[in-house]
Amino acid sequence: MGEQEKKQTVKSTADWVRDQLLTESTGHDWYHIERVTEMAKAIAAEEGADLFVVEMAALLHDLADDKLVASEEEGIQEINNWLVDRSVEKADSAHIIEIIETISFSKGKPLRTLEAKVVQDADRLDAIGAIGIARTFQYAGAKGHVLYDPKANVRTEMTKAEYRSGQGSAIHHFYEKLLLLKDRMNTHTGKKLAESRHAFMEQFLKRFYAEWDGNG
């Protein structure tokens, strides 16, 4: 597949994903995909990763996510069919699918390639900082989770089912996932970008507790 064909494939894929996720309401919408894709491209350029594989995996990564689809297997098959129909080379297609199947926080799978590490870092960067805070409350609202329950405990050692279905609060989610991400970045670029976003979340939580207690 030549460079012009790759560009056209990326464009048609972006259009396809946009049509499916534009009105998604849990914070995993098209604009999330667009931000992650642009961030992944920037990290790939810094780290020397394969731009086509990174861009395609970033665009497609939520179409097989169990937060959005009833069947991950069917989602993966639909993505695979899309790649086959666009004559994406088998090695690239397999690599893209592998990335989609391994980068989720809840799965905790080891990453084999630089491209997977780049896409995971970009996805995680969108889960922290100001955008991450906004998405956390959007997701909590969509799922009917409470804002904060001071009597509840932070959940640790959760199974994937418990992570997905448990009734934790939006604030507890910071401790169960968001504040852990800075130290789990894979690339030098991702680690550097995560620093200020992590610090902003810490500042937000400090202010939140002050206001919660009537001291802010």
N, C-alpha and C. Protein backbone atom coordinates (compact mmCIF):
# COMPACT_ATOMS: atom_id res chain seq x y z
N MET A 1 0.85 -1.19 0.00
CA MET A 1 0.00 0.00 0.00
C MET A 1 0.89 1.24 0.00
N GLY A 2 0.70 2.11 -1.01
CA GLY A 2 1.50 3.31 -1.13
C GLY A 2 1.06 4.39 -0.15
N GLU A 3 1.85 5.45 -0.08
CA GLU A 3 1.56 6.52 0.87
C GLU A 3 0.22 7.20 0.58
N GLN A 4 -0.10 7.41 -0.69
CA GLN A 4 -1.37 8.05 -1.02
C GLN A 4 -2.55 7.17 -0.64
N GLU A 5 -2.39 5.85 -0.85
CA GLU A 5 -3.45 4.92 -0.44
C GLU A 5 -3.62 4.90 1.08
N LYS A 6 -2.51 4.99 1.78
CA LYS A 6 -2.59 5.03 3.24
C LYS A 6 -3.32 6.27 3.72
N LYS A 7 -3.03 7.41 3.11
CA LYS A 7 -3.70 8.65 3.48
C LYS A 7 -5.19 8.56 3.24
N GLN A 8 -5.58 7.96 2.12
CA GLN A 8 -7.00 7.82 1.81
C GLN A 8 -7.68 6.86 2.78
N THR A 9 -6.96 5.80 3.15
CA THR A 9 -7.49 4.83 4.10
C THR A 9 -7.70 5.48 5.47
N VAL A 10 -6.75 6.28 5.90
CA VAL A 10 -6.88 6.99 7.16
C VAL A 10 -8.09 7.93 7.12
N LYS A 11 -8.24 8.65 6.02
CA LYS A 11 -9.36 9.59 5.89
C LYS A 11 -10.70 8.87 5.92
N SER A 12 -10.83 7.79 5.17
CA SER A 12 -12.10 7.08 5.13
C SER A 12 -12.39 6.43 6.48
N THR A 13 -11.35 5.99 7.17
CA THR A 13 -11.53 5.40 8.50
C THR A 13 -12.00 6.45 9.49
N ALA A 14 -11.41 7.64 9.43
CA ALA A 14 -11.83 8.73 10.31
C ALA A 14 -13.29 9.08 10.07
N ASP A 15 -13.70 9.12 8.83
CA ASP A 15 -15.10 9.42 8.50
C ASP A 15 -16.03 8.34 9.05
N TRP A 16 -15.62 7.08 8.94
CA TRP A 16 -16.42 5.95 9.42
C TRP A 16 -16.58 6.00 10.93
N VAL A 17 -15.48 6.23 11.63
CA VAL A 17 -15.52 6.29 13.09
C VAL A 17 -16.33 7.50 13.55
N ARG A 18 -16.15 8.64 12.89
CA ARG A 18 -16.90 9.84 13.25
C ARG A 18 -18.40 9.59 13.16
N ASP A 19 -18.84 8.92 12.12
CA ASP A 19 -20.26 8.64 11.95
C ASP A 19 -20.81 7.79 13.09
N GLN A 20 -19.98 6.90 13.63
CA GLN A 20 -20.45 6.00 14.67
C GLN A 20 -20.41 6.61 16.07
N LEU A 21 -19.47 7.51 16.31
CA LEU A 21 -19.23 7.97 17.68
C LEU A 21 -19.51 9.45 17.92
N LEU A 22 -20.00 10.16 16.92
CA LEU A 22 -20.17 11.60 17.06
C LEU A 22 -21.08 11.97 18.22
N THR A 23 -22.14 11.20 18.45
CA THR A 23 -23.11 11.54 19.50
C THR A 23 -22.98 10.64 20.73
N GLU A 24 -21.92 9.87 20.84
CA GLU A 24 -21.69 9.01 21.99
C GLU A 24 -21.61 9.88 23.25
N SER A 25 -22.20 9.42 24.38
CA SER A 25 -22.41 10.32 25.50
C SER A 25 -21.65 9.97 26.77
N THR A 26 -20.67 9.06 26.72
CA THR A 26 -19.96 8.69 27.94
C THR A 26 -18.54 9.25 28.00
N GLY A 27 -18.19 10.12 27.05
CA GLY A 27 -16.83 10.65 27.02
C GLY A 27 -15.92 9.89 26.08
N HIS A 28 -16.46 8.92 25.36
CA HIS A 28 -15.69 8.15 24.38
C HIS A 28 -16.21 8.45 22.97
N ASP A 29 -16.48 9.72 22.74
CA ASP A 29 -17.08 10.15 21.48
C ASP A 29 -16.00 10.42 20.42
N TRP A 30 -16.45 10.95 19.28
CA TRP A 30 -15.53 11.24 18.19
C TRP A 30 -14.44 12.22 18.60
N TYR A 31 -14.78 13.19 19.42
CA TYR A 31 -13.78 14.20 19.78
C TYR A 31 -12.68 13.60 20.66
N HIS A 32 -13.04 12.59 21.47
CA HIS A 32 -12.02 11.83 22.19
C HIS A 32 -11.10 11.13 21.19
N ILE A 33 -11.69 10.48 20.21
CA ILE A 33 -10.90 9.78 19.20
C ILE A 33 -9.99 10.76 18.46
N GLU A 34 -10.52 11.90 18.10
CA GLU A 34 -9.75 12.91 17.38
C GLU A 34 -8.56 13.40 18.22
N ARG A 35 -8.81 13.67 19.50
CA ARG A 35 -7.72 14.12 20.38
C ARG A 35 -6.65 13.04 20.53
N VAL A 36 -7.08 11.81 20.77
CA VAL A 36 -6.14 10.71 20.95
C VAL A 36 -5.32 10.50 19.68
N THR A 37 -5.96 10.58 18.53
CA THR A 37 -5.26 10.39 17.27
C THR A 37 -4.20 11.47 17.05
N GLU A 38 -4.55 12.71 17.29
CA GLU A 38 -3.57 13.79 17.12
C GLU A 38 -2.43 13.67 18.12
N MET A 39 -2.74 13.30 19.35
CA MET A 39 -1.70 13.10 20.35
C MET A 39 -0.80 11.91 19.98
N ALA A 40 -1.41 10.84 19.50
CA ALA A 40 -0.64 9.66 19.09
C ALA A 40 0.29 9.98 17.93
N LYS A 41 -0.17 10.77 16.99
CA LYS A 41 0.69 11.18 15.87
C LYS A 41 1.88 11.99 16.36
N ALA A 42 1.63 12.89 17.31
CA ALA A 42 2.72 13.71 17.84
C ALA A 42 3.74 12.86 18.60
N ILE A 43 3.26 11.92 19.41
CA ILE A 43 4.17 11.04 20.15
C ILE A 43 4.93 10.13 19.19
N ALA A 44 4.23 9.62 18.18
CA ALA A 44 4.88 8.74 17.19
C ALA A 44 6.02 9.45 16.48
N ALA A 45 5.81 10.72 16.16
CA ALA A 45 6.85 11.49 15.48
C ALA A 45 8.07 11.65 16.38
N GLU A 46 7.85 11.85 17.67
CA GLU A 46 8.95 11.99 18.62
C GLU A 46 9.67 10.67 18.87
N GLU A 47 8.92 9.59 18.90
CA GLU A 47 9.47 8.30 19.30
C GLU A 47 9.90 7.42 18.12
N GLY A 48 9.55 7.83 16.90
CA GLY A 48 9.96 7.06 15.73
C GLY A 48 9.10 5.84 15.45
N ALA A 49 7.82 5.92 15.78
CA ALA A 49 6.90 4.81 15.54
C ALA A 49 6.30 4.87 14.14
N ASP A 50 5.73 3.77 13.70
CA ASP A 50 5.07 3.68 12.40
C ASP A 50 3.79 4.51 12.43
N LEU A 51 3.78 5.60 11.69
CA LEU A 51 2.67 6.56 11.77
C LEU A 51 1.35 5.97 11.28
N PHE A 52 1.37 5.19 10.22
CA PHE A 52 0.13 4.63 9.68
C PHE A 52 -0.52 3.69 10.69
N VAL A 53 0.25 2.77 11.26
CA VAL A 53 -0.29 1.83 12.23
C VAL A 53 -0.81 2.57 13.45
N VAL A 54 -0.05 3.55 13.93
CA VAL A 54 -0.46 4.34 15.09
C VAL A 54 -1.76 5.09 14.82
N GLU A 55 -1.83 5.76 13.69
CA GLU A 55 -3.02 6.56 13.39
C GLU A 55 -4.26 5.69 13.22
N MET A 56 -4.13 4.58 12.54
CA MET A 56 -5.27 3.69 12.35
C MET A 56 -5.72 3.07 13.66
N ALA A 57 -4.78 2.63 14.49
CA ALA A 57 -5.16 2.03 15.77
C ALA A 57 -5.82 3.06 16.68
N ALA A 58 -5.30 4.28 16.67
CA ALA A 58 -5.90 5.34 17.49
C ALA A 58 -7.33 5.64 17.04
N LEU A 59 -7.55 5.69 15.75
CA LEU A 59 -8.89 5.97 15.23
C LEU A 59 -9.88 4.86 15.60
N LEU A 60 -9.42 3.62 15.57
CA LEU A 60 -10.33 2.48 15.71
C LEU A 60 -10.42 1.92 17.12
N HIS A 61 -9.62 2.42 18.07
CA HIS A 61 -9.42 1.70 19.31
C HIS A 61 -10.68 1.54 20.17
N ASP A 62 -11.66 2.40 20.05
CA ASP A 62 -12.85 2.28 20.90
C ASP A 62 -14.00 1.51 20.24
N LEU A 63 -13.83 1.11 19.01
CA LEU A 63 -14.94 0.43 18.33
C LEU A 63 -15.11 -1.02 18.79
N ALA A 64 -14.15 -1.51 19.59
CA ALA A 64 -14.31 -2.85 20.16
C ALA A 64 -14.23 -2.79 21.67
N ASP A 65 -14.48 -1.63 22.24
CA ASP A 65 -14.41 -1.45 23.69
C ASP A 65 -15.74 -1.86 24.32
N ASP A 66 -15.66 -2.67 25.38
CA ASP A 66 -16.90 -3.16 25.97
C ASP A 66 -17.71 -2.08 26.69
N LYS A 67 -17.12 -0.89 26.83
CA LYS A 67 -17.92 0.24 27.34
C LYS A 67 -18.92 0.72 26.30
N LEU A 68 -18.64 0.42 25.03
CA LEU A 68 -19.45 0.97 23.95
C LEU A 68 -20.17 -0.08 23.12
N VAL A 69 -19.66 -1.30 23.09
CA VAL A 69 -20.26 -2.34 22.24
C VAL A 69 -20.67 -3.54 23.08
N ALA A 70 -21.68 -4.24 22.63
CA ALA A 70 -22.17 -5.41 23.36
C ALA A 70 -21.20 -6.57 23.29
N SER A 71 -20.46 -6.69 22.19
CA SER A 71 -19.55 -7.81 21.99
C SER A 71 -18.21 -7.30 21.46
N GLU A 72 -17.15 -7.50 22.26
CA GLU A 72 -15.81 -7.13 21.79
C GLU A 72 -15.42 -7.95 20.57
N GLU A 73 -15.79 -9.22 20.58
CA GLU A 73 -15.44 -10.10 19.46
C GLU A 73 -16.06 -9.60 18.15
N GLU A 74 -17.32 -9.20 18.23
CA GLU A 74 -17.98 -8.68 17.03
C GLU A 74 -17.37 -7.36 16.60
N GLY A 75 -16.99 -6.53 17.58
CA GLY A 75 -16.33 -5.27 17.27
C GLY A 75 -15.01 -5.49 16.56
N ILE A 76 -14.22 -6.44 17.05
CA ILE A 76 -12.93 -6.77 16.41
C ILE A 76 -13.16 -7.30 15.00
N GLN A 77 -14.17 -8.13 14.83
CA GLN A 77 -14.44 -8.68 13.50
C GLN A 77 -14.85 -7.59 12.53
N GLU A 78 -15.64 -6.64 13.00
CA GLU A 78 -16.06 -5.53 12.15
C GLU A 78 -14.85 -4.68 11.74
N ILE A 79 -13.95 -4.44 12.68
CA ILE A 79 -12.74 -3.68 12.37
C ILE A 79 -11.88 -4.46 11.37
N ASN A 80 -11.73 -5.74 11.60
CA ASN A 80 -10.94 -6.57 10.69
C ASN A 80 -11.52 -6.54 9.28
N ASN A 81 -12.84 -6.65 9.18
CA ASN A 81 -13.48 -6.60 7.87
C ASN A 81 -13.23 -5.26 7.18
N TRP A 82 -13.27 -4.19 7.96
CA TRP A 82 -13.01 -2.86 7.43
C TRP A 82 -11.59 -2.78 6.84
N LEU A 83 -10.63 -3.32 7.58
CA LEU A 83 -9.24 -3.28 7.13
C LEU A 83 -9.04 -4.14 5.88
N VAL A 84 -9.67 -5.30 5.86
CA VAL A 84 -9.56 -6.18 4.68
C VAL A 84 -10.18 -5.52 3.46
N ASP A 85 -11.32 -4.91 3.64
CA ASP A 85 -12.01 -4.26 2.51
C ASP A 85 -11.21 -3.11 1.94
N ARG A 86 -10.31 -2.53 2.74
CA ARG A 86 -9.47 -1.42 2.26
C ARG A 86 -8.07 -1.87 1.89
N SER A 87 -7.91 -3.17 1.80
CA SER A 87 -6.64 -3.77 1.34
C SER A 87 -5.45 -3.37 2.18
N VAL A 88 -5.68 -3.18 3.49
CA VAL A 88 -4.56 -2.93 4.39
C VAL A 88 -3.72 -4.20 4.46
N GLU A 89 -2.40 -4.06 4.38
CA GLU A 89 -1.52 -5.22 4.38
C GLU A 89 -1.75 -6.05 5.64
N LYS A 90 -1.64 -7.37 5.48
CA LYS A 90 -1.96 -8.28 6.57
C LYS A 90 -1.15 -8.00 7.83
N ALA A 91 0.13 -7.71 7.66
CA ALA A 91 0.98 -7.45 8.82
C ALA A 91 0.52 -6.19 9.56
N ASP A 92 0.18 -5.16 8.81
CA ASP A 92 -0.31 -3.92 9.43
C ASP A 92 -1.66 -4.15 10.09
N SER A 93 -2.53 -4.88 9.41
CA SER A 93 -3.86 -5.17 9.95
C SER A 93 -3.76 -5.93 11.26
N ALA A 94 -2.90 -6.96 11.29
CA ALA A 94 -2.72 -7.75 12.50
C ALA A 94 -2.16 -6.90 13.63
N HIS A 95 -1.25 -5.99 13.29
CA HIS A 95 -0.65 -5.11 14.28
C HIS A 95 -1.69 -4.15 14.86
N ILE A 96 -2.50 -3.58 14.00
CA ILE A 96 -3.57 -2.66 14.44
C ILE A 96 -4.54 -3.37 15.38
N ILE A 97 -4.96 -4.58 15.01
CA ILE A 97 -5.88 -5.36 15.84
C ILE A 97 -5.24 -5.69 17.19
N GLU A 98 -3.96 -6.06 17.16
CA GLU A 98 -3.25 -6.38 18.40
C GLU A 98 -3.24 -5.18 19.35
N ILE A 99 -2.99 -4.00 18.81
CA ILE A 99 -2.98 -2.79 19.64
C ILE A 99 -4.34 -2.57 20.28
N ILE A 100 -5.40 -2.67 19.48
CA ILE A 100 -6.75 -2.45 19.98
C ILE A 100 -7.09 -3.43 21.09
N GLU A 101 -6.61 -4.66 20.97
CA GLU A 101 -6.94 -5.71 21.93
C GLU A 101 -6.12 -5.64 23.22
N THR A 102 -5.05 -4.83 23.24
CA THR A 102 -4.15 -4.87 24.41
C THR A 102 -4.02 -3.57 25.19
N ILE A 103 -4.49 -2.42 24.65
CA ILE A 103 -4.14 -1.15 25.31
C ILE A 103 -5.09 -0.75 26.45
N SER A 104 -6.22 -1.41 26.61
CA SER A 104 -7.19 -1.01 27.62
C SER A 104 -6.61 -1.11 29.03
N PHE A 105 -6.90 -0.11 29.86
CA PHE A 105 -6.47 -0.11 31.26
C PHE A 105 -7.02 -1.32 32.00
N SER A 106 -8.28 -1.66 31.75
CA SER A 106 -8.92 -2.73 32.50
C SER A 106 -8.36 -4.10 32.16
N LYS A 107 -7.77 -4.25 30.96
CA LYS A 107 -7.22 -5.55 30.58
C LYS A 107 -5.84 -5.78 31.18
N GLY A 108 -5.06 -4.71 31.31
CA GLY A 108 -3.74 -4.82 31.91
C GLY A 108 -2.79 -5.74 31.18
N LYS A 109 -2.91 -5.82 29.87
CA LYS A 109 -2.06 -6.72 29.09
C LYS A 109 -0.71 -6.06 28.76
N PRO A 110 0.37 -6.86 28.68
CA PRO A 110 1.66 -6.29 28.28
C PRO A 110 1.64 -5.87 26.82
N LEU A 111 2.38 -4.81 26.51
CA LEU A 111 2.42 -4.29 25.15
C LEU A 111 3.71 -4.74 24.46
N ARG A 112 3.56 -5.25 23.26
CA ARG A 112 4.70 -5.84 22.55
C ARG A 112 5.47 -4.84 21.71
N THR A 113 4.80 -3.81 21.19
CA THR A 113 5.43 -2.94 20.21
C THR A 113 5.43 -1.48 20.63
N LEU A 114 6.32 -0.71 20.01
CA LEU A 114 6.38 0.73 20.25
C LEU A 114 5.06 1.38 19.86
N GLU A 115 4.48 0.95 18.77
CA GLU A 115 3.23 1.55 18.30
C GLU A 115 2.10 1.38 19.33
N ALA A 116 2.03 0.21 19.95
CA ALA A 116 1.03 -0.02 21.00
C ALA A 116 1.27 0.91 22.18
N LYS A 117 2.52 1.08 22.54
CA LYS A 117 2.86 1.97 23.67
C LYS A 117 2.49 3.41 23.36
N VAL A 118 2.70 3.83 22.12
CA VAL A 118 2.36 5.19 21.72
C VAL A 118 0.85 5.42 21.80
N VAL A 119 0.06 4.50 21.26
CA VAL A 119 -1.39 4.67 21.27
C VAL A 119 -1.93 4.61 22.69
N GLN A 120 -1.40 3.70 23.50
CA GLN A 120 -1.86 3.64 24.89
C GLN A 120 -1.53 4.92 25.64
N ASP A 121 -0.34 5.46 25.44
CA ASP A 121 0.01 6.72 26.10
C ASP A 121 -0.93 7.85 25.67
N ALA A 122 -1.23 7.93 24.39
CA ALA A 122 -2.13 8.98 23.90
C ALA A 122 -3.52 8.83 24.50
N ASP A 123 -4.01 7.61 24.58
CA ASP A 123 -5.34 7.35 25.16
C ASP A 123 -5.35 7.70 26.63
N ARG A 124 -4.29 7.37 27.33
CA ARG A 124 -4.21 7.65 28.76
C ARG A 124 -4.04 9.14 29.03
N LEU A 125 -3.34 9.84 28.17
CA LEU A 125 -3.20 11.29 28.35
C LEU A 125 -4.56 11.98 28.26
N ASP A 126 -5.46 11.44 27.44
CA ASP A 126 -6.79 12.03 27.33
C ASP A 126 -7.67 11.69 28.52
N ALA A 127 -7.18 10.78 29.38
CA ALA A 127 -7.94 10.41 30.58
C ALA A 127 -7.51 11.20 31.80
N ILE A 128 -6.49 12.06 31.65
CA ILE A 128 -6.01 12.83 32.79
C ILE A 128 -5.99 14.32 32.44
N GLY A 129 -5.64 15.15 33.43
CA GLY A 129 -5.66 16.59 33.19
C GLY A 129 -7.08 17.13 33.16
N ALA A 130 -7.25 18.33 32.61
CA ALA A 130 -8.56 18.99 32.56
C ALA A 130 -9.57 18.18 31.76
N ILE A 131 -9.15 17.68 30.62
CA ILE A 131 -10.05 16.86 29.80
C ILE A 131 -10.42 15.59 30.55
N GLY A 132 -9.46 14.97 31.18
CA GLY A 132 -9.73 13.75 31.93
C GLY A 132 -10.73 13.97 33.05
N ILE A 133 -10.61 15.09 33.74
CA ILE A 133 -11.56 15.42 34.80
C ILE A 133 -12.97 15.57 34.22
N ALA A 134 -13.07 16.32 33.12
CA ALA A 134 -14.38 16.52 32.49
C ALA A 134 -14.98 15.19 32.03
N ARG A 135 -14.16 14.34 31.44
CA ARG A 135 -14.66 13.05 30.95
C ARG A 135 -15.07 12.14 32.10
N THR A 136 -14.37 12.22 33.22
CA THR A 136 -14.71 11.40 34.38
C THR A 136 -16.12 11.70 34.86
N PHE A 137 -16.46 12.98 34.94
CA PHE A 137 -17.80 13.33 35.42
C PHE A 137 -18.86 13.08 34.36
N GLN A 138 -18.50 13.21 33.10
CA GLN A 138 -19.45 12.86 32.04
C GLN A 138 -19.78 11.38 32.10
N TYR A 139 -18.74 10.54 32.25
CA TYR A 139 -18.96 9.09 32.29
C TYR A 139 -19.77 8.70 33.53
N ALA A 140 -19.43 9.30 34.67
CA ALA A 140 -20.16 8.99 35.90
C ALA A 140 -21.64 9.35 35.77
N GLY A 141 -21.91 10.51 35.17
CA GLY A 141 -23.30 10.91 34.97
C GLY A 141 -24.04 9.97 34.05
N ALA A 142 -23.37 9.56 32.97
CA ALA A 142 -24.00 8.66 32.00
C ALA A 142 -24.31 7.30 32.63
N LYS A 143 -23.49 6.88 33.59
CA LYS A 143 -23.66 5.55 34.21
C LYS A 143 -24.43 5.60 35.52
N GLY A 144 -24.85 6.81 35.93
CA GLY A 144 -25.62 6.92 37.16
C GLY A 144 -24.79 6.79 38.42
N HIS A 145 -23.49 7.06 38.34
CA HIS A 145 -22.64 6.99 39.52
C HIS A 145 -22.74 8.30 40.31
N VAL A 146 -22.53 8.21 41.60
CA VAL A 146 -22.60 9.41 42.43
C VAL A 146 -21.35 10.26 42.25
N LEU A 147 -21.46 11.53 42.60
CA LEU A 147 -20.33 12.44 42.54
C LEU A 147 -19.21 12.00 43.48
N TYR A 148 -19.59 11.79 44.75
CA TYR A 148 -18.60 11.41 45.76
C TYR A 148 -19.33 10.82 46.95
N ASP A 149 -18.79 9.74 47.48
CA ASP A 149 -19.32 9.13 48.69
C ASP A 149 -18.18 9.01 49.70
N PRO A 150 -18.10 9.92 50.67
CA PRO A 150 -16.97 9.92 51.60
C PRO A 150 -16.89 8.66 52.46
N LYS A 151 -17.96 7.88 52.53
CA LYS A 151 -17.95 6.66 53.33
C LYS A 151 -17.45 5.44 52.54
N ALA A 152 -17.36 5.58 51.24
CA ALA A 152 -16.94 4.46 50.40
C ALA A 152 -15.42 4.32 50.40
N ASN A 153 -14.95 3.12 50.13
CA ASN A 153 -13.52 2.84 50.05
C ASN A 153 -13.07 2.82 48.59
N VAL A 154 -11.82 3.17 48.39
CA VAL A 154 -11.24 3.04 47.05
C VAL A 154 -11.11 1.56 46.73
N ARG A 155 -11.59 1.18 45.56
CA ARG A 155 -11.54 -0.23 45.17
C ARG A 155 -10.16 -0.58 44.61
N THR A 156 -9.57 -1.66 45.10
CA THR A 156 -8.29 -2.14 44.59
C THR A 156 -8.43 -3.62 44.22
N GLU A 157 -7.50 -4.10 43.43
CA GLU A 157 -7.50 -5.51 43.03
C GLU A 157 -8.84 -5.92 42.44
N MET A 158 -9.39 -5.06 41.60
CA MET A 158 -10.68 -5.36 40.97
C MET A 158 -10.52 -6.29 39.78
N THR A 159 -11.52 -7.14 39.57
CA THR A 159 -11.61 -7.85 38.30
C THR A 159 -12.10 -6.87 37.25
N LYS A 160 -11.99 -7.25 35.99
CA LYS A 160 -12.48 -6.39 34.93
C LYS A 160 -13.99 -6.15 35.09
N ALA A 161 -14.73 -7.19 35.44
CA ALA A 161 -16.19 -7.05 35.61
C ALA A 161 -16.51 -6.08 36.74
N GLU A 162 -15.74 -6.16 37.84
CA GLU A 162 -15.97 -5.27 38.97
C GLU A 162 -15.62 -3.83 38.59
N TYR A 163 -14.54 -3.66 37.82
CA TYR A 163 -14.14 -2.33 37.37
C TYR A 163 -15.22 -1.70 36.51
N ARG A 164 -15.83 -2.51 35.63
CA ARG A 164 -16.84 -2.00 34.71
C ARG A 164 -18.19 -1.78 35.39
N SER A 165 -18.59 -2.69 36.27
CA SER A 165 -19.97 -2.68 36.75
C SER A 165 -20.13 -2.13 38.16
N GLY A 166 -19.03 -1.95 38.87
CA GLY A 166 -19.13 -1.47 40.25
C GLY A 166 -19.68 -0.06 40.31
N GLN A 167 -20.29 0.28 41.45
CA GLN A 167 -20.91 1.60 41.61
C GLN A 167 -20.00 2.55 42.38
N GLY A 168 -18.82 2.74 41.90
CA GLY A 168 -17.91 3.69 42.52
C GLY A 168 -18.33 5.12 42.20
N SER A 169 -17.74 6.06 42.94
CA SER A 169 -18.05 7.47 42.69
C SER A 169 -17.07 8.06 41.69
N ALA A 170 -17.43 9.22 41.15
CA ALA A 170 -16.54 9.90 40.21
C ALA A 170 -15.21 10.23 40.87
N ILE A 171 -15.24 10.70 42.10
CA ILE A 171 -14.00 11.06 42.79
C ILE A 171 -13.15 9.82 43.07
N HIS A 172 -13.77 8.72 43.44
CA HIS A 172 -13.00 7.50 43.68
C HIS A 172 -12.28 7.03 42.43
N HIS A 173 -12.84 7.33 41.27
CA HIS A 173 -12.22 6.91 40.01
C HIS A 173 -10.83 7.52 39.84
N PHE A 174 -10.61 8.70 40.41
CA PHE A 174 -9.27 9.30 40.35
C PHE A 174 -8.24 8.37 40.98
N TYR A 175 -8.61 7.76 42.11
CA TYR A 175 -7.66 6.92 42.85
C TYR A 175 -7.59 5.51 42.29
N GLU A 176 -8.67 5.08 41.66
CA GLU A 176 -8.71 3.73 41.09
C GLU A 176 -8.06 3.66 39.72
N LYS A 177 -7.91 4.81 39.05
CA LYS A 177 -7.31 4.80 37.72
C LYS A 177 -6.48 6.04 37.41
N LEU A 178 -7.09 7.21 37.43
CA LEU A 178 -6.48 8.40 36.84
C LEU A 178 -5.14 8.78 37.45
N LEU A 179 -5.04 8.73 38.77
CA LEU A 179 -3.80 9.12 39.42
C LEU A 179 -2.70 8.06 39.27
N LEU A 180 -3.06 6.89 38.77
CA LEU A 180 -2.08 5.83 38.55
C LEU A 180 -1.40 5.94 37.18
N LEU A 181 -2.00 6.71 36.29
CA LEU A 181 -1.56 6.67 34.89
C LEU A 181 -0.21 7.33 34.64
N LYS A 182 0.11 8.38 35.37
CA LYS A 182 1.39 9.08 35.14
C LYS A 182 2.57 8.12 35.22
N ASP A 183 2.55 7.25 36.19
CA ASP A 183 3.67 6.33 36.40
C ASP A 183 3.57 5.08 35.52
N ARG A 184 2.53 5.00 34.71
CA ARG A 184 2.37 3.85 33.82
C ARG A 184 2.51 4.24 32.34
N MET A 185 2.97 5.45 32.10
CA MET A 185 3.25 5.84 30.72
C MET A 185 4.43 5.03 30.19
N ASN A 186 4.40 4.77 28.91
CA ASN A 186 5.40 3.90 28.29
C ASN A 186 6.57 4.64 27.68
N THR A 187 6.29 5.75 27.03
CA THR A 187 7.31 6.45 26.25
C THR A 187 7.85 7.66 27.00
N HIS A 188 9.04 8.09 26.62
CA HIS A 188 9.61 9.30 27.22
C HIS A 188 8.69 10.49 26.99
N THR A 189 8.16 10.62 25.79
CA THR A 189 7.27 11.72 25.45
C THR A 189 6.00 11.67 26.28
N GLY A 190 5.42 10.49 26.41
CA GLY A 190 4.21 10.33 27.21
C GLY A 190 4.44 10.68 28.66
N LYS A 191 5.56 10.24 29.21
CA LYS A 191 5.87 10.54 30.61
C LYS A 191 5.98 12.05 30.83
N LYS A 192 6.64 12.73 29.89
CA LYS A 192 6.83 14.18 30.00
C LYS A 192 5.49 14.92 29.94
N LEU A 193 4.64 14.51 29.02
CA LEU A 193 3.36 15.17 28.86
C LEU A 193 2.42 14.92 30.04
N ALA A 194 2.60 13.79 30.69
CA ALA A 194 1.70 13.42 31.79
C ALA A 194 1.94 14.24 33.05
N GLU A 195 3.12 14.79 33.21
CA GLU A 195 3.48 15.45 34.46
C GLU A 195 2.51 16.59 34.81
N SER A 196 2.33 17.53 33.89
CA SER A 196 1.50 18.70 34.20
C SER A 196 0.03 18.31 34.33
N ARG A 197 -0.42 17.33 33.55
CA ARG A 197 -1.82 16.90 33.65
C ARG A 197 -2.08 16.25 35.00
N HIS A 198 -1.13 15.45 35.46
CA HIS A 198 -1.26 14.81 36.76
C HIS A 198 -1.30 15.86 37.87
N ALA A 199 -0.40 16.84 37.79
CA ALA A 199 -0.36 17.90 38.80
C ALA A 199 -1.67 18.67 38.86
N PHE A 200 -2.29 18.90 37.69
CA PHE A 200 -3.57 19.62 37.66
C PHE A 200 -4.65 18.83 38.37
N MET A 201 -4.66 17.51 38.20
CA MET A 201 -5.66 16.69 38.89
C MET A 201 -5.47 16.75 40.40
N GLU A 202 -4.23 16.74 40.85
CA GLU A 202 -3.97 16.85 42.29
C GLU A 202 -4.47 18.18 42.83
N GLN A 203 -4.26 19.25 42.08
CA GLN A 203 -4.75 20.57 42.48
C GLN A 203 -6.28 20.58 42.53
N PHE A 204 -6.91 19.96 41.54
CA PHE A 204 -8.37 19.89 41.50
C PHE A 204 -8.91 19.16 42.73
N LEU A 205 -8.32 18.02 43.07
CA LEU A 205 -8.81 17.25 44.20
C LEU A 205 -8.64 18.00 45.52
N LYS A 206 -7.53 18.70 45.66
CA LYS A 206 -7.31 19.51 46.86
C LYS A 206 -8.41 20.56 47.00
N ARG A 207 -8.73 21.21 45.89
CA ARG A 207 -9.78 22.22 45.89
C ARG A 207 -11.16 21.58 46.13
N PHE A 208 -11.40 20.43 45.52
CA PHE A 208 -12.67 19.73 45.68
C PHE A 208 -12.94 19.42 47.14
N TYR A 209 -11.96 18.85 47.83
CA TYR A 209 -12.16 18.48 49.23
C TYR A 209 -12.35 19.72 50.11
N ALA A 210 -11.65 20.79 49.79
CA ALA A 210 -11.84 22.03 50.56
C ALA A 210 -13.26 22.54 50.42
N GLU A 211 -13.78 22.53 49.20
CA GLU A 211 -15.14 23.00 48.98
C GLU A 211 -16.16 22.02 49.56
N TRP A 212 -15.88 20.72 49.47
CA TRP A 212 -16.77 19.72 50.02
C TRP A 212 -16.94 19.93 51.53
N ASP A 213 -15.87 20.29 52.18
CA ASP A 213 -15.90 20.52 53.62
C ASP A 213 -16.33 21.94 54.00
N GLY A 214 -16.68 22.74 52.98
CA GLY A 214 -17.15 24.09 53.25
C GLY A 214 -16.04 25.07 53.56
N ASN A 215 -14.80 24.72 53.14
CA ASN A 215 -13.65 25.57 53.46
C ASN A 215 -13.10 26.30 52.24
N GLY A 216 -13.67 26.06 51.06
CA GLY A 216 -13.11 26.65 49.85
C GLY A 216 -13.78 27.95 49.49
